[in-house]
PDB file of N, CA and C in Angstrom:
ATOM      1  N   MET A   1     -20.714 -22.079 -11.372  1.00  0.00           N
ATOM      2  CA  MET A   1     -20.923 -22.042  -9.947  1.00  0.00           C
ATOM      3  C   MET A   1     -22.369 -22.410  -9.661  1.00  0.00           C
ATOM      4  N   ASN A   2     -22.564 -23.345  -8.776  1.00  0.00           N
ATOM      5  CA  ASN A   2     -23.907 -23.759  -8.388  1.00  0.00           C
ATOM      6  C   ASN A   2     -24.356 -22.934  -7.187  1.00  0.00           C
ATOM      7  N   LEU A   3     -25.373 -22.126  -7.390  1.00  0.00           N
ATOM      8  CA  LEU A   3     -25.897 -21.290  -6.325  1.00  0.00           C
ATOM      9  C   LEU A   3     -27.213 -21.865  -5.815  1.00  0.00           C
ATOM     10  N   PRO A   4     -27.501 -21.657  -4.541  1.00  0.00           N
ATOM     11  CA  PRO A   4     -28.778 -22.135  -4.019  1.00  0.00           C
ATOM     12  C   PRO A   4     -29.932 -21.390  -4.680  1.00  0.00           C
ATOM     13  N   PRO A   5     -31.110 -22.002  -4.707  1.00  0.00           N
ATOM     14  CA  PRO A   5     -32.253 -21.325  -5.324  1.00  0.00           C
ATOM     15  C   PRO A   5     -32.631 -20.064  -4.558  1.00  0.00           C
ATOM     16  N   VAL A   6     -33.203 -19.122  -5.283  1.00  0.00           N
ATOM     17  CA  VAL A   6     -33.661 -17.869  -4.684  1.00  0.00           C
ATOM     18  C   VAL A   6     -35.073 -18.085  -4.132  1.00  0.00           C
ATOM     19  N   PRO A   7     -35.373 -17.574  -2.949  1.00  0.00           N
ATOM     20  CA  PRO A   7     -36.721 -17.737  -2.390  1.00  0.00           C
ATOM     21  C   PRO A   7     -37.785 -17.123  -3.314  1.00  0.00           C
ATOM     22  N   GLU A   8     -38.957 -17.673  -3.239  1.00  0.00           N
ATOM     23  CA  GLU A   8     -40.063 -17.168  -4.060  1.00  0.00           C
ATOM     24  C   GLU A   8     -40.303 -15.687  -3.753  1.00  0.00           C
ATOM     25  N   GLY A   9     -40.494 -14.889  -4.814  1.00  0.00           N
ATOM     26  CA  GLY A   9     -40.723 -13.460  -4.649  1.00  0.00           C
ATOM     27  C   GLY A   9     -39.450 -12.639  -4.666  1.00  0.00           C
ATOM     28  N   TYR A  10     -38.303 -13.307  -4.898  1.00  0.00           N
ATOM     29  CA  TYR A  10     -37.008 -12.615  -4.948  1.00  0.00           C
ATOM     30  C   TYR A  10     -36.269 -12.992  -6.226  1.00  0.00           C
ATOM     31  N   ARG A  11     -35.240 -12.219  -6.557  1.00  0.00           N
ATOM     32  CA  ARG A  11     -34.406 -12.499  -7.730  1.00  0.00           C
ATOM     33  C   ARG A  11     -32.977 -12.039  -7.439  1.00  0.00           C
ATOM     34  N   ARG A  12     -32.051 -12.528  -8.236  1.00  0.00           N
ATOM     35  CA  ARG A  12     -30.653 -12.089  -8.136  1.00  0.00           C
ATOM     36  C   ARG A  12     -30.431 -10.927  -9.097  1.00  0.00           C
ATOM     37  N   GLU A  13     -29.572  -9.985  -8.688  1.00  0.00           N
ATOM     38  CA  GLU A  13     -29.146  -8.932  -9.599  1.00  0.00           C
ATOM     39  C   GLU A  13     -27.664  -8.668  -9.373  1.00  0.00           C
ATOM     40  N   TRP A  14     -26.972  -8.254 -10.427  1.00  0.00           N
ATOM     41  CA  TRP A  14     -25.547  -7.934 -10.354  1.00  0.00           C
ATOM     42  C   TRP A  14     -25.390  -6.456 -10.040  1.00  0.00           C
ATOM     43  N   VAL A  15     -24.525  -6.134  -9.063  1.00  0.00           N
ATOM     44  CA  VAL A  15     -24.246  -4.745  -8.691  1.00  0.00           C
ATOM     45  C   VAL A  15     -22.738  -4.555  -8.564  1.00  0.00           C
ATOM     46  N   GLU A  16     -22.301  -3.323  -8.784  1.00  0.00           N
ATOM     47  CA  GLU A  16     -20.879  -3.008  -8.676  1.00  0.00           C
ATOM     48  C   GLU A  16     -20.411  -3.229  -7.242  1.00  0.00           C
ATOM     49  N   ASP A  17     -19.228  -3.818  -7.093  1.00  0.00           N
ATOM     50  CA  ASP A  17     -18.676  -4.121  -5.774  1.00  0.00           C
ATOM     51  C   ASP A  17     -17.691  -3.023  -5.380  1.00  0.00           C
ATOM     52  N   ASP A  18     -18.019  -2.264  -4.336  1.00  0.00           N
ATOM     53  CA  ASP A  18     -17.195  -1.123  -3.908  1.00  0.00           C
ATOM     54  C   ASP A  18     -15.883  -1.520  -3.234  1.00  0.00           C
ATOM     55  N   TYR A  19     -15.752  -2.783  -2.831  1.00  0.00           N
ATOM     56  CA  TYR A  19     -14.545  -3.211  -2.120  1.00  0.00           C
ATOM     57  C   TYR A  19     -13.538  -3.909  -3.028  1.00  0.00           C
ATOM     58  N   TRP A  20     -13.886  -4.077  -4.302  1.00  0.00           N
ATOM     59  CA  TRP A  20     -13.011  -4.739  -5.268  1.00  0.00           C
ATOM     60  C   TRP A  20     -12.687  -3.790  -6.414  1.00  0.00           C
ATOM     61  N   ARG A  21     -11.528  -3.981  -7.017  1.00  0.00           N
ATOM     62  CA  ARG A  21     -11.120  -3.245  -8.210  1.00  0.00           C
ATOM     63  C   ARG A  21     -10.235  -4.152  -9.047  1.00  0.00           C
ATOM     64  N   LEU A  22      -9.964  -3.764 -10.293  1.00  0.00           N
ATOM     65  CA  LEU A  22      -9.060  -4.548 -11.137  1.00  0.00           C
ATOM     66  C   LEU A  22      -7.633  -4.390 -10.659  1.00  0.00           C
ATOM     67  N   SER A  23      -6.840  -5.419 -10.809  1.00  0.00           N
ATOM     68  CA  SER A  23      -5.405  -5.336 -10.533  1.00  0.00           C
ATOM     69  C   SER A  23      -4.749  -4.587 -11.683  1.00  0.00           C
ATOM     70  N   THR A  24      -3.782  -3.739 -11.367  1.00  0.00           N
ATOM     71  CA  THR A  24      -3.055  -3.013 -12.410  1.00  0.00           C
ATOM     72  C   THR A  24      -2.050  -3.959 -13.078  1.00  0.00           C
ATOM     73  N   PRO A  25      -1.553  -3.604 -14.275  1.00  0.00           N
ATOM     74  CA  PRO A  25      -0.537  -4.454 -14.914  1.00  0.00           C
ATOM     75  C   PRO A  25       0.689  -4.691 -14.015  1.00  0.00           C
ATOM     76  N   GLU A  26       1.123  -3.659 -13.293  1.00  0.00           N
ATOM     77  CA  GLU A  26       2.267  -3.832 -12.384  1.00  0.00           C
ATOM     78  C   GLU A  26       1.937  -4.811 -11.262  1.00  0.00           C
ATOM     79  N   GLU A  27       0.727  -4.715 -10.705  1.00  0.00           N
ATOM     80  CA  GLU A  27       0.327  -5.635  -9.647  1.00  0.00           C
ATOM     81  C   GLU A  27       0.216  -7.058 -10.160  1.00  0.00           C
ATOM     82  N   ARG A  28      -0.211  -7.219 -11.408  1.00  0.00           N
ATOM     83  CA  ARG A  28      -0.305  -8.566 -11.999  1.00  0.00           C
ATOM     84  C   ARG A  28       1.073  -9.215 -12.089  1.00  0.00           C
ATOM     85  N   ARG A  29       2.091  -8.409 -12.388  1.00  0.00           N
ATOM     86  CA  ARG A  29       3.461  -8.940 -12.454  1.00  0.00           C
ATOM     87  C   ARG A  29       4.033  -9.182 -11.061  1.00  0.00           C
ATOM     88  N   ARG A  30       3.679  -8.352 -10.119  1.00  0.00           N
ATOM     89  CA  ARG A  30       4.306  -8.347  -8.803  1.00  0.00           C
ATOM     90  C   ARG A  30       3.694  -9.324  -7.796  1.00  0.00           C
ATOM     91  N   TYR A  31       2.371  -9.500  -7.856  1.00  0.00           N
ATOM     92  CA  TYR A  31       1.677 -10.316  -6.856  1.00  0.00           C
ATOM     93  C   TYR A  31       1.067 -11.563  -7.469  1.00  0.00           C
ATOM     94  N   GLY A  32       0.817 -12.550  -6.624  1.00  0.00           N
ATOM     95  CA  GLY A  32       0.084 -13.737  -7.021  1.00  0.00           C
ATOM     96  C   GLY A  32      -1.236 -13.789  -6.283  1.00  0.00           C
ATOM     97  N   CYS A  33      -2.107 -14.666  -6.718  1.00  0.00           N
ATOM     98  CA  CYS A  33      -3.411 -14.840  -6.073  1.00  0.00           C
ATOM     99  C   CYS A  33      -3.217 -15.238  -4.612  1.00  0.00           C
ATOM    100  N   ARG A  34      -3.945 -14.587  -3.709  1.00  0.00           N
ATOM    101  CA  ARG A  34      -3.809 -14.837  -2.279  1.00  0.00           C
ATOM    102  C   ARG A  34      -4.734 -15.926  -1.766  1.00  0.00           C
ATOM    103  N   TRP A  35      -5.562 -16.503  -2.638  1.00  0.00           N
ATOM    104  CA  TRP A  35      -6.504 -17.518  -2.176  1.00  0.00           C
ATOM    105  C   TRP A  35      -5.750 -18.640  -1.486  1.00  0.00           C
ATOM    106  N   GLY A  36      -6.217 -19.037  -0.335  1.00  0.00           N
ATOM    107  CA  GLY A  36      -5.603 -20.131   0.405  1.00  0.00           C
ATOM    108  C   GLY A  36      -4.460 -19.715   1.299  1.00  0.00           C
ATOM    109  N   ALA A  37      -4.039 -18.453   1.231  1.00  0.00           N
ATOM    110  CA  ALA A  37      -2.931 -17.993   2.072  1.00  0.00           C
ATOM    111  C   ALA A  37      -3.381 -17.951   3.516  1.00  0.00           C
ATOM    112  N   GLY A  38      -2.570 -18.441   4.380  1.00  0.00           N
ATOM    113  CA  GLY A  38      -2.916 -18.419   5.796  1.00  0.00           C
ATOM    114  C   GLY A  38      -1.974 -19.286   6.596  1.00  0.00           C
ATOM    115  N   PHE A  39      -2.325 -19.497   7.818  1.00  0.00           N
ATOM    116  CA  PHE A  39      -1.498 -20.268   8.738  1.00  0.00           C
ATOM    117  C   PHE A  39      -1.304 -21.685   8.202  1.00  0.00           C
ATOM    118  N   HIS A  40      -0.086 -22.062   7.922  1.00  0.00           N
ATOM    119  CA  HIS A  40       0.292 -23.396   7.437  1.00  0.00           C
ATOM    120  C   HIS A  40      -0.360 -23.778   6.104  1.00  0.00           C
ATOM    121  N   SER A  41      -0.656 -22.813   5.256  1.00  0.00           N
ATOM    122  CA  SER A  41      -1.224 -23.156   3.950  1.00  0.00           C
ATOM    123  C   SER A  41      -0.556 -22.342   2.846  1.00  0.00           C
ATOM    124  N   GLN A  42      -0.625 -22.870   1.653  1.00  0.00           N
ATOM    125  CA  GLN A  42       0.032 -22.293   0.483  1.00  0.00           C
ATOM    126  C   GLN A  42      -0.978 -21.483  -0.326  1.00  0.00           C
ATOM    127  N   ALA A  43      -0.605 -20.278  -0.737  1.00  0.00           N
ATOM    128  CA  ALA A  43      -1.473 -19.450  -1.581  1.00  0.00           C
ATOM    129  C   ALA A  43      -1.520 -20.023  -2.989  1.00  0.00           C
ATOM    130  N   CYS A  44      -2.586 -19.705  -3.720  1.00  0.00           N
ATOM    131  CA  CYS A  44      -2.757 -20.169  -5.104  1.00  0.00           C
ATOM    132  C   CYS A  44      -1.579 -19.721  -5.974  1.00  0.00           C
ATOM    133  N   GLY A  45      -1.281 -18.401  -5.958  1.00  0.00           N
ATOM    134  CA  GLY A  45      -0.129 -17.882  -6.681  1.00  0.00           C
ATOM    135  C   GLY A  45      -0.343 -17.565  -8.147  1.00  0.00           C
ATOM    136  N   ALA A  46      -1.519 -17.867  -8.714  1.00  0.00           N
ATOM    137  CA  ALA A  46      -1.783 -17.571 -10.129  1.00  0.00           C
ATOM    138  C   ALA A  46      -1.819 -16.056 -10.357  1.00  0.00           C
ATOM    139  N   GLU A  47      -1.723 -15.646 -11.615  1.00  0.00           N
ATOM    140  CA  GLU A  47      -1.753 -14.214 -11.942  1.00  0.00           C
ATOM    141  C   GLU A  47      -3.104 -13.616 -11.542  1.00  0.00           C
ATOM    142  N   PRO A  48      -3.099 -12.539 -10.764  1.00  0.00           N
ATOM    143  CA  PRO A  48      -4.358 -11.955 -10.300  1.00  0.00           C
ATOM    144  C   PRO A  48      -5.043 -11.101 -11.373  1.00  0.00           C
ATOM    145  N   VAL A  49      -6.357 -10.975 -11.242  1.00  0.00           N
ATOM    146  CA  VAL A  49      -7.128 -10.110 -12.141  1.00  0.00           C
ATOM    147  C   VAL A  49      -7.820  -8.987 -11.366  1.00  0.00           C
ATOM    148  N   ALA A  50      -8.072  -9.204 -10.067  1.00  0.00           N
ATOM    149  CA  ALA A  50      -8.777  -8.208  -9.260  1.00  0.00           C
ATOM    150  C   ALA A  50      -8.215  -8.198  -7.842  1.00  0.00           C
ATOM    151  N   ALA A  51      -8.476  -7.082  -7.150  1.00  0.00           N
ATOM    152  CA  ALA A  51      -7.977  -6.911  -5.790  1.00  0.00           C
ATOM    153  C   ALA A  51      -9.117  -6.542  -4.849  1.00  0.00           C
ATOM    154  N   PHE A  52      -9.051  -7.079  -3.630  1.00  0.00           N
ATOM    155  CA  PHE A  52     -10.043  -6.841  -2.586  1.00  0.00           C
ATOM    156  C   PHE A  52      -9.404  -5.995  -1.494  1.00  0.00           C
ATOM    157  N   ASN A  53     -10.082  -4.933  -1.075  1.00  0.00           N
ATOM    158  CA  ASN A  53      -9.552  -4.080  -0.024  1.00  0.00           C
ATOM    159  C   ASN A  53      -9.813  -4.705   1.343  1.00  0.00           C
ATOM    160  N   ARG A  54      -8.782  -5.337   1.885  1.00  0.00           N
ATOM    161  CA  ARG A  54      -8.881  -5.934   3.222  1.00  0.00           C
ATOM    162  C   ARG A  54      -8.287  -4.976   4.250  1.00  0.00           C
ATOM    163  N   GLY A  55      -8.483  -3.686   4.001  1.00  0.00           N
ATOM    164  CA  GLY A  55      -7.938  -2.655   4.879  1.00  0.00           C
ATOM    165  C   GLY A  55      -8.421  -2.785   6.311  1.00  0.00           C
ATOM    166  N   ARG A  56      -7.768  -2.063   7.179  1.00  0.00           N
ATOM    167  CA  ARG A  56      -8.132  -2.125   8.588  1.00  0.00           C
ATOM    168  C   ARG A  56      -7.889  -0.769   9.239  1.00  0.00           C
ATOM    169  N   TRP A  57      -8.522  -0.576  10.385  1.00  0.00           N
ATOM    170  CA  TRP A  57      -8.356   0.659  11.143  1.00  0.00           C
ATOM    171  C   TRP A  57      -7.169   0.525  12.088  1.00  0.00           C
ATOM    172  N   THR A  58      -6.350   1.555  12.120  1.00  0.00           N
ATOM    173  CA  THR A  58      -5.216   1.612  13.037  1.00  0.00           C
ATOM    174  C   THR A  58      -5.347   2.884  13.869  1.00  0.00           C
ATOM    175  N   LYS A  59      -4.430   3.108  14.773  1.00  0.00           N
ATOM    176  CA  LYS A  59      -4.495   4.328  15.582  1.00  0.00           C
ATOM    177  C   LYS A  59      -4.313   5.584  14.725  1.00  0.00           C
ATOM    178  N   ASN A  60      -3.762   5.426  13.514  1.00  0.00           N
ATOM    179  CA  ASN A  60      -3.551   6.556  12.612  1.00  0.00           C
ATOM    180  C   ASN A  60      -4.639   6.678  11.536  1.00  0.00           C
ATOM    181  N   GLY A  61      -5.698   5.893  11.645  1.00  0.00           N
ATOM    182  CA  GLY A  61      -6.775   5.956  10.658  1.00  0.00           C
ATOM    183  C   GLY A  61      -6.886   4.656   9.877  1.00  0.00           C
ATOM    184  N   HIS A  62      -7.585   4.718   8.746  1.00  0.00           N
ATOM    185  CA  HIS A  62      -7.814   3.526   7.923  1.00  0.00           C
ATOM    186  C   HIS A  62      -6.611   3.254   7.035  1.00  0.00           C
ATOM    187  N   ARG A  63      -6.163   2.025   7.009  1.00  0.00           N
ATOM    188  CA  ARG A  63      -5.032   1.607   6.176  1.00  0.00           C
ATOM    189  C   ARG A  63      -5.549   0.680   5.093  1.00  0.00           C
ATOM    190  N   MET A  64      -5.314   1.065   3.817  1.00  0.00           N
ATOM    191  CA  MET A  64      -5.718   0.229   2.690  1.00  0.00           C
ATOM    192  C   MET A  64      -4.786  -0.980   2.613  1.00  0.00           C
ATOM    193  N   ALA A  65      -5.335  -2.136   2.329  1.00  0.00           N
ATOM    194  CA  ALA A  65      -4.547  -3.360   2.160  1.00  0.00           C
ATOM    195  C   ALA A  65      -5.211  -4.167   1.053  1.00  0.00           C
ATOM    196  N   TRP A  66      -4.658  -4.120  -0.141  1.00  0.00           N
ATOM    197  CA  TRP A  66      -5.257  -4.790  -1.293  1.00  0.00           C
ATOM    198  C   TRP A  66      -4.692  -6.190  -1.423  1.00  0.00           C
ATOM    199  N   TRP A  67      -5.584  -7.191  -1.376  1.00  0.00           N
ATOM    200  CA  TRP A  67      -5.214  -8.585  -1.598  1.00  0.00           C
ATOM    201  C   TRP A  67      -5.698  -8.949  -2.989  1.00  0.00           C
ATOM    202  N   HIS A  68      -4.837  -9.570  -3.768  1.00  0.00           N
ATOM    203  CA  HIS A  68      -5.126  -9.861  -5.172  1.00  0.00           C
ATOM    204  C   HIS A  68      -5.560 -11.313  -5.369  1.00  0.00           C
ATOM    205  N   TYR A  69      -6.507 -11.503  -6.322  1.00  0.00           N
ATOM    206  CA  TYR A  69      -7.059 -12.823  -6.590  1.00  0.00           C
ATOM    207  C   TYR A  69      -7.144 -13.083  -8.091  1.00  0.00           C
ATOM    208  N   CYS A  70      -6.965 -14.348  -8.478  1.00  0.00           N
ATOM    209  CA  CYS A  70      -7.079 -14.741  -9.883  1.00  0.00           C
ATOM    210  C   CYS A  70      -8.561 -14.895 -10.249  1.00  0.00           C
ATOM    211  N   GLU A  71      -8.832 -15.090 -11.527  1.00  0.00           N
ATOM    212  CA  GLU A  71     -10.218 -15.187 -11.995  1.00  0.00           C
ATOM    213  C   GLU A  71     -10.974 -16.353 -11.345  1.00  0.00           C
ATOM    214  N   ARG A  72     -10.270 -17.421 -11.087  1.00  0.00           N
ATOM    215  CA  ARG A  72     -10.895 -18.606 -10.485  1.00  0.00           C
ATOM    216  C   ARG A  72     -11.342 -18.368  -9.041  1.00  0.00           C
ATOM    217  N   HIS A  73     -10.706 -17.425  -8.353  1.00  0.00           N
ATOM    218  CA  HIS A  73     -10.970 -17.222  -6.927  1.00  0.00           C
ATOM    219  C   HIS A  73     -11.581 -15.853  -6.623  1.00  0.00           C
ATOM    220  N   LEU A  74     -12.552 -15.433  -7.416  1.00  0.00           N
ATOM    221  CA  LEU A  74     -13.222 -14.151  -7.186  1.00  0.00           C
ATOM    222  C   LEU A  74     -14.444 -14.279  -6.279  1.00  0.00           C
ATOM    223  N   TYR A  75     -14.665 -15.438  -5.697  1.00  0.00           N
ATOM    224  CA  TYR A  75     -15.754 -15.644  -4.741  1.00  0.00           C
ATOM    225  C   TYR A  75     -17.112 -15.255  -5.326  1.00  0.00           C
ATOM    226  N   GLY A  76     -17.401 -15.721  -6.541  1.00  0.00           N
ATOM    227  CA  GLY A  76     -18.705 -15.498  -7.159  1.00  0.00           C
ATOM    228  C   GLY A  76     -18.853 -14.171  -7.875  1.00  0.00           C
ATOM    229  N   ARG A  77     -17.799 -13.384  -7.918  1.00  0.00           N
ATOM    230  CA  ARG A  77     -17.861 -12.105  -8.618  1.00  0.00           C
ATOM    231  C   ARG A  77     -17.543 -12.295 -10.090  1.00  0.00           C
ATOM    232  N   ARG A  78     -17.831 -11.268 -10.878  1.00  0.00           N
ATOM    233  CA  ARG A  78     -17.455 -11.293 -12.285  1.00  0.00           C
ATOM    234  C   ARG A  78     -17.000  -9.905 -12.689  1.00  0.00           C
ATOM    235  N   ILE A  79     -16.236  -9.859 -13.779  1.00  0.00           N
ATOM    236  CA  ILE A  79     -15.705  -8.602 -14.296  1.00  0.00           C
ATOM    237  C   ILE A  79     -16.375  -8.321 -15.635  1.00  0.00           C
ATOM    238  N   VAL A  80     -16.967  -7.130 -15.762  1.00  0.00           N
ATOM    239  CA  VAL A  80     -17.608  -6.705 -17.005  1.00  0.00           C
ATOM    240  C   VAL A  80     -17.139  -5.290 -17.313  1.00  0.00           C
ATOM    241  N   ASP A  81     -16.557  -5.105 -18.484  1.00  0.00           N
ATOM    242  CA  ASP A  81     -16.083  -3.776 -18.914  1.00  0.00           C
ATOM    243  C   ASP A  81     -15.217  -3.093 -17.859  1.00  0.00           C
ATOM    244  N   GLY A  82     -14.325  -3.849 -17.243  1.00  0.00           N
ATOM    245  CA  GLY A  82     -13.378  -3.278 -16.288  1.00  0.00           C
ATOM    246  C   GLY A  82     -13.945  -2.981 -14.914  1.00  0.00           C
ATOM    247  N   VAL A  83     -15.130  -3.508 -14.604  1.00  0.00           N
ATOM    248  CA  VAL A  83     -15.758  -3.289 -13.298  1.00  0.00           C
ATOM    249  C   VAL A  83     -16.044  -4.642 -12.662  1.00  0.00           C
ATOM    250  N   VAL A  84     -15.775  -4.755 -11.351  1.00  0.00           N
ATOM    251  CA  VAL A  84     -16.050  -5.990 -10.617  1.00  0.00           C
ATOM    252  C   VAL A  84     -17.469  -5.917 -10.046  1.00  0.00           C
ATOM    253  N   TYR A  85     -18.258  -6.969 -10.289  1.00  0.00           N
ATOM    254  CA  TYR A  85     -19.639  -7.037  -9.821  1.00  0.00           C
ATOM    255  C   TYR A  85     -19.832  -8.243  -8.900  1.00  0.00           C
ATOM    256  N   HIS A  86     -20.796  -8.130  -7.990  1.00  0.00           N
ATOM    257  CA  HIS A  86     -21.245  -9.252  -7.175  1.00  0.00           C
ATOM    258  C   HIS A  86     -22.761  -9.330  -7.250  1.00  0.00           C
ATOM    259  N   GLN A  87     -23.299 -10.461  -6.838  1.00  0.00           N
ATOM    260  CA  GLN A  87     -24.753 -10.651  -6.865  1.00  0.00           C
ATOM    261  C   GLN A  87     -25.353 -10.338  -5.503  1.00  0.00           C
ATOM    262  N   ARG A  88     -26.580  -9.853  -5.566  1.00  0.00           N
ATOM    263  CA  ARG A  88     -27.358  -9.713  -4.346  1.00  0.00           C
ATOM    264  C   ARG A  88     -28.770 -10.184  -4.641  1.00  0.00           C
ATOM    265  N   ILE A  89     -29.475 -10.546  -3.610  1.00  0.00           N
ATOM    266  CA  ILE A  89     -30.851 -11.007  -3.761  1.00  0.00           C
ATOM    267  C   ILE A  89     -31.774  -9.862  -3.383  1.00  0.00           C
ATOM    268  N   VAL A  90     -32.691  -9.542  -4.304  1.00  0.00           N
ATOM    269  CA  VAL A  90     -33.614  -8.434  -4.073  1.00  0.00           C
ATOM    270  C   VAL A  90     -35.052  -8.921  -4.263  1.00  0.00           C
ATOM    271  N   GLU A  91     -35.967  -8.196  -3.666  1.00  0.00           N
ATOM    272  CA  GLU A  91     -37.381  -8.537  -3.785  1.00  0.00           C
ATOM    273  C   GLU A  91     -37.866  -8.235  -5.195  1.00  0.00           C
ATOM    274  N   ASP A  92     -38.642  -9.158  -5.752  1.00  0.00           N
ATOM    275  CA  ASP A  92     -39.269  -8.943  -7.070  1.00  0.00           C
ATOM    276  C   ASP A  92     -40.379  -7.928  -6.915  1.00  0.00           C
ATOM    277  N   ARG A  93     -40.477  -7.030  -7.868  1.00  0.00           N
ATOM    278  CA  ARG A  93     -41.561  -6.028  -7.816  1.00  0.00           C
ATOM    279  C   ARG A  93     -42.367  -6.079  -9.071  1.00  0.00           C
TER     280      ARG A  93
END
């Protein structure tokens, strides 16, 4: 993945992503990758490795809604030792 350069005085670091988790073996069998799913478009459909909580608030409270994605469509995230991480830019000290 080609990322833009980091501004001078800053660096990238990997941190645990609280909105993502690994897909369970049952979910891997049951669901396909949701990348590309939408109005008049076809989802990827590959075997998922991780799930994103696209939950929403309803009149009865927060409703969890896990959308599953394959390794190719993790939007710049990576999995290390069973944990999903994303990058953030922080000030160099």
